[in-house]
Amino acid sequence: MSGPLSRERERARVRARALREAPTDAESLLRYHLRDRRLANFKFRRQRPIGPYFADFACLEAKLVVELDGGQHVEAAGCDENRTRFIEAQGYRVLRFWNNEVLTQTDAVRERTLQALQEDNPHPSPLPQAGEGARQDTRNLKP
């Protein structure tokens, strides 16, 4: 079935792939720190479509979007505000960093991102080992 929605999804998929294949230096550096659950075991996706926009980095489980802004964003401040409002309306929190911040203050960017992840989000823990989490018999416990 090839309707307008499936064509739109295909266009979004192709666009996201193109954006992932041509990252900025700042995106590449931040990706290194966010990939493979390196930041507190949270998973980030790059160039994730959210409505008509593509989030630079999105953590779906924490509902957090990290956006990187370059010099072109000074002129596009109004567009960025609309974009942020739309993404927030979808239930995400949005963090914005300048490319220069990522390149020169990487540790501070990581720390701020970690703080945002930990606000109102339980730490994603690994699955319990065999034997852990066994059901406890509570029938004989007094209230």
C-alpha atoms as a PDB file:
ATOM      1  CA  MET A   1       0.000   0.000   0.000  1.00  0.00           C
ATOM      2  CA  SER A   2       1.561   3.246  -1.150  1.00  0.00           C
ATOM      3  CA  GLY A   3      -0.410   6.197   0.157  1.00  0.00           C
ATOM      4  CA  PRO A   4       0.581   9.767   0.946  1.00  0.00           C
ATOM      5  CA  LEU A   5       1.576   8.833   4.501  1.00  0.00           C
ATOM      6  CA  SER A   6       3.954   6.080   3.387  1.00  0.00           C
ATOM      7  CA  ARG A   7       5.528   8.410   0.790  1.00  0.00           C
ATOM      8  CA  GLU A   8       5.994  11.060   3.483  1.00  0.00           C
ATOM      9  CA  ARG A   9       7.633   8.532   5.823  1.00  0.00           C
ATOM     10  CA  GLU A  10       9.959   7.418   3.041  1.00  0.00           C
ATOM     11  CA  ARG A  11      10.960  11.036   2.341  1.00  0.00           C
ATOM     12  CA  ALA A  12      11.635  11.557   6.060  1.00  0.00           C
ATOM     13  CA  ARG A  13      13.731   8.384   6.208  1.00  0.00           C
ATOM     14  CA  VAL A  14      15.799   9.447   3.194  1.00  0.00           C
ATOM     15  CA  ARG A  15      16.281  12.975   4.589  1.00  0.00           C
ATOM     16  CA  ALA A  16      17.317  11.649   8.021  1.00  0.00           C
ATOM     17  CA  ARG A  17      19.849   9.330   6.394  1.00  0.00           C
ATOM     18  CA  ALA A  18      21.304  12.218   4.362  1.00  0.00           C
ATOM     19  CA  LEU A  19      21.618  14.345   7.515  1.00  0.00           C
ATOM     20  CA  ARG A  20      23.341  11.485   9.371  1.00  0.00           C
ATOM     21  CA  GLU A  21      25.815  11.040   6.518  1.00  0.00           C
ATOM     22  CA  ALA A  22      26.937  14.703   6.608  1.00  0.00           C
ATOM     23  CA  PRO A  23      27.369  15.643  10.289  1.00  0.00           C
ATOM     24  CA  THR A  24      29.053  18.821  11.469  1.00  0.00           C
ATOM     25  CA  ASP A  25      32.234  18.534  13.549  1.00  0.00           C
ATOM     26  CA  ALA A  26      30.195  19.309  16.667  1.00  0.00           C
ATOM     27  CA  GLU A  27      27.627  16.607  15.834  1.00  0.00           C
ATOM     28  CA  SER A  28      30.398  14.064  15.299  1.00  0.00           C
ATOM     29  CA  LEU A  29      32.022  14.933  18.617  1.00  0.00           C
ATOM     30  CA  LEU A  30      28.777  14.838  20.587  1.00  0.00           C
ATOM     31  CA  ARG A  31      27.763  11.613  18.875  1.00  0.00           C
ATOM     32  CA  TYR A  32      30.960  10.008  20.178  1.00  0.00           C
ATOM     33  CA  HIS A  33      29.876  10.839  23.741  1.00  0.00           C
ATOM     34  CA  LEU A  34      26.215   9.836  23.322  1.00  0.00           C
ATOM     35  CA  ARG A  35      26.494   6.688  21.220  1.00  0.00           C
ATOM     36  CA  ASP A  36      26.386   3.120  22.510  1.00  0.00           C
ATOM     37  CA  ARG A  37      24.633   4.215  25.721  1.00  0.00           C
ATOM     38  CA  ARG A  38      27.848   5.889  26.916  1.00  0.00           C
ATOM     39  CA  LEU A  39      25.987   8.566  28.846  1.00  0.00           C
ATOM     40  CA  ALA A  40      24.389   6.889  31.888  1.00  0.00           C
ATOM     41  CA  ASN A  41      23.098   4.028  29.728  1.00  0.00           C
ATOM     42  CA  PHE A  42      20.597   6.222  27.839  1.00  0.00           C
ATOM     43  CA  LYS A  43      20.114   5.522  24.120  1.00  0.00           C
ATOM     44  CA  PHE A  44      20.215   8.439  21.690  1.00  0.00           C
ATOM     45  CA  ARG A  45      19.116   8.456  18.061  1.00  0.00           C
ATOM     46  CA  ARG A  46      20.581  10.860  15.519  1.00  0.00           C
ATOM     47  CA  GLN A  47      18.484  12.957  13.153  1.00  0.00           C
ATOM     48  CA  ARG A  48      15.262  11.550  14.568  1.00  0.00           C
ATOM     49  CA  PRO A  49      12.127  12.794  12.776  1.00  0.00           C
ATOM     50  CA  ILE A  50       9.669  14.466  15.154  1.00  0.00           C
ATOM     51  CA  GLY A  51       6.778  15.751  13.108  1.00  0.00           C
ATOM     52  CA  PRO A  52       8.177  17.893  10.279  1.00  0.00           C
ATOM     53  CA  TYR A  53      11.502  18.402  12.111  1.00  0.00           C
ATOM     54  CA  PHE A  54      14.646  16.331  12.552  1.00  0.00           C
ATOM     55  CA  ALA A  55      16.091  16.353  16.063  1.00  0.00           C
ATOM     56  CA  ASP A  56      19.903  16.309  16.073  1.00  0.00           C
ATOM     57  CA  PHE A  57      19.847  13.823  18.975  1.00  0.00           C
ATOM     58  CA  ALA A  58      16.794  12.319  20.667  1.00  0.00           C
ATOM     59  CA  CYS A  59      16.555  10.075  23.701  1.00  0.00           C
ATOM     60  CA  LEU A  60      13.111   8.536  23.374  1.00  0.00           C
ATOM     61  CA  GLU A  61      13.034   6.916  26.821  1.00  0.00           C
ATOM     62  CA  ALA A  62      13.862  10.217  28.585  1.00  0.00           C
ATOM     63  CA  LYS A  63      11.881  12.332  26.083  1.00  0.00           C
ATOM     64  CA  LEU A  64      14.927  14.589  25.662  1.00  0.00           C
ATOM     65  CA  VAL A  65      16.072  16.276  22.453  1.00  0.00           C
ATOM     66  CA  VAL A  66      19.540  17.800  22.112  1.00  0.00           C
ATOM     67  CA  GLU A  67      19.871  20.391  19.352  1.00  0.00           C
ATOM     68  CA  LEU A  68      23.140  21.880  18.111  1.00  0.00           C
ATOM     69  CA  ASP A  69      23.098  25.372  16.657  1.00  0.00           C
ATOM     70  CA  GLY A  70      25.673  26.865  14.320  1.00  0.00           C
ATOM     71  CA  GLY A  71      26.094  30.423  13.055  1.00  0.00           C
ATOM     72  CA  GLN A  72      23.110  30.112  10.708  1.00  0.00           C
ATOM     73  CA  HIS A  73      20.835  29.827  13.742  1.00  0.00           C
ATOM     74  CA  VAL A  74      21.352  33.475  14.715  1.00  0.00           C
ATOM     75  CA  GLU A  75      19.246  34.516  11.723  1.00  0.00           C
ATOM     76  CA  ALA A  76      16.808  31.626  12.213  1.00  0.00           C
ATOM     77  CA  ALA A  77      15.985  32.271  15.891  1.00  0.00           C
ATOM     78  CA  GLY A  78      12.240  32.566  15.173  1.00  0.00           C
ATOM     79  CA  CYS A  79      12.235  29.268  13.296  1.00  0.00           C
ATOM     80  CA  ASP A  80      14.128  27.625  16.166  1.00  0.00           C
ATOM     81  CA  GLU A  81      11.514  28.890  18.638  1.00  0.00           C
ATOM     82  CA  ASN A  82       8.693  27.401  16.549  1.00  0.00           C
ATOM     83  CA  ARG A  83      10.611  24.152  16.213  1.00  0.00           C
ATOM     84  CA  THR A  84      11.261  23.992  19.962  1.00  0.00           C
ATOM     85  CA  ARG A  85       7.606  24.704  20.777  1.00  0.00           C
ATOM     86  CA  PHE A  86       6.458  21.954  18.413  1.00  0.00           C
ATOM     87  CA  ILE A  87       8.908  19.385  19.819  1.00  0.00           C
ATOM     88  CA  GLU A  88       7.957  20.321  23.396  1.00  0.00           C
ATOM     89  CA  ALA A  89       4.278  19.934  22.470  1.00  0.00           C
ATOM     90  CA  GLN A  90       5.124  16.329  21.546  1.00  0.00           C
ATOM     91  CA  GLY A  91       6.249  15.774  25.151  1.00  0.00           C
ATOM     92  CA  TYR A  92      10.009  16.287  24.762  1.00  0.00           C
ATOM     93  CA  ARG A  93      12.329  18.609  26.652  1.00  0.00           C
ATOM     94  CA  VAL A  94      14.772  20.448  24.393  1.00  0.00           C
ATOM     95  CA  LEU A  95      18.385  21.318  25.195  1.00  0.00           C
ATOM     96  CA  ARG A  96      20.206  23.667  22.818  1.00  0.00           C
ATOM     97  CA  PHE A  97      23.954  24.096  22.558  1.00  0.00           C
ATOM     98  CA  TRP A  98      26.061  26.161  20.190  1.00  0.00           C
ATOM     99  CA  ASN A  99      28.432  24.111  18.040  1.00  0.00           C
ATOM    100  CA  ASN A 100      31.290  26.082  19.599  1.00  0.00           C
ATOM    101  CA  GLU A 101      30.189  24.970  23.087  1.00  0.00           C
ATOM    102  CA  VAL A 102      30.330  21.326  22.052  1.00  0.00           C
ATOM    103  CA  LEU A 103      33.765  21.772  20.487  1.00  0.00           C
ATOM    104  CA  THR A 104      35.365  23.793  23.309  1.00  0.00           C
ATOM    105  CA  GLN A 105      33.399  22.823  26.441  1.00  0.00           C
ATOM    106  CA  THR A 106      32.546  19.199  25.755  1.00  0.00           C
ATOM    107  CA  ASP A 107      32.606  18.122  29.404  1.00  0.00           C
ATOM    108  CA  ALA A 108      30.180  20.889  30.392  1.00  0.00           C
ATOM    109  CA  VAL A 109      27.822  19.900  27.547  1.00  0.00           C
ATOM    110  CA  ARG A 110      27.955  16.247  28.636  1.00  0.00           C
ATOM    111  CA  GLU A 111      27.291  17.223  32.264  1.00  0.00           C
ATOM    112  CA  ARG A 112      24.315  19.437  31.369  1.00  0.00           C
ATOM    113  CA  THR A 113      22.893  16.672  29.164  1.00  0.00           C
ATOM    114  CA  LEU A 114      23.353  14.142  31.959  1.00  0.00           C
ATOM    115  CA  GLN A 115      21.573  16.443  34.424  1.00  0.00           C
ATOM    116  CA  ALA A 116      18.659  16.806  32.018  1.00  0.00           C
ATOM    117  CA  LEU A 117      18.483  13.037  31.551  1.00  0.00           C
ATOM    118  CA  GLN A 118      18.395  12.427  35.274  1.00  0.00           C
ATOM    119  CA  GLU A 119      15.702  15.019  35.985  1.00  0.00           C
ATOM    120  CA  ASP A 120      12.442  13.113  36.428  1.00  0.00           C
ATOM    121  CA  ASN A 121      13.890   9.990  34.803  1.00  0.00           C
ATOM    122  CA  PRO A 122      14.848   6.813  36.593  1.00  0.00           C
ATOM    123  CA  HIS A 123      18.231   5.468  35.624  1.00  0.00           C
ATOM    124  CA  PRO A 124      17.760   2.837  32.917  1.00  0.00           C
ATOM    125  CA  SER A 125      19.159  -0.239  34.593  1.00  0.00           C
ATOM    126  CA  PRO A 126      20.195  -3.472  32.930  1.00  0.00           C
ATOM    127  CA  LEU A 127      17.926  -6.495  33.090  1.00  0.00           C
ATOM    128  CA  PRO A 128      18.125  -8.385  36.401  1.00  0.00           C
ATOM    129  CA  GLN A 129      20.475 -11.338  36.611  1.00  0.00           C
ATOM    130  CA  ALA A 130      18.989 -14.831  36.831  1.00  0.00           C
ATOM    131  CA  GLY A 131      17.385 -15.308  40.214  1.00  0.00           C
ATOM    132  CA  GLU A 132      16.959 -11.611  40.925  1.00  0.00           C
ATOM    133  CA  GLY A 133      13.500 -10.182  41.087  1.00  0.00           C
ATOM    134  CA  ALA A 134      11.909 -13.473  42.042  1.00  0.00           C
ATOM    135  CA  ARG A 135       8.355 -13.134  43.175  1.00  0.00           C
ATOM    136  CA  GLN A 136       8.043 -13.001  46.923  1.00  0.00           C
ATOM    137  CA  ASP A 137       5.243 -14.847  48.718  1.00  0.00           C
ATOM    138  CA  THR A 138       3.342 -12.229  50.702  1.00  0.00           C
ATOM    139  CA  ARG A 139       0.298 -14.305  51.645  1.00  0.00           C
ATOM    140  CA  ASN A 140       1.376 -14.842  55.244  1.00  0.00           C
ATOM    141  CA  LEU A 141       2.470 -11.276  55.928  1.00  0.00           C
ATOM    142  CA  LYS A 142       0.336  -9.333  58.393  1.00  0.00           C
ATOM    143  CA  PRO A 143      -0.950  -5.928  57.250  1.00  0.00           C
END
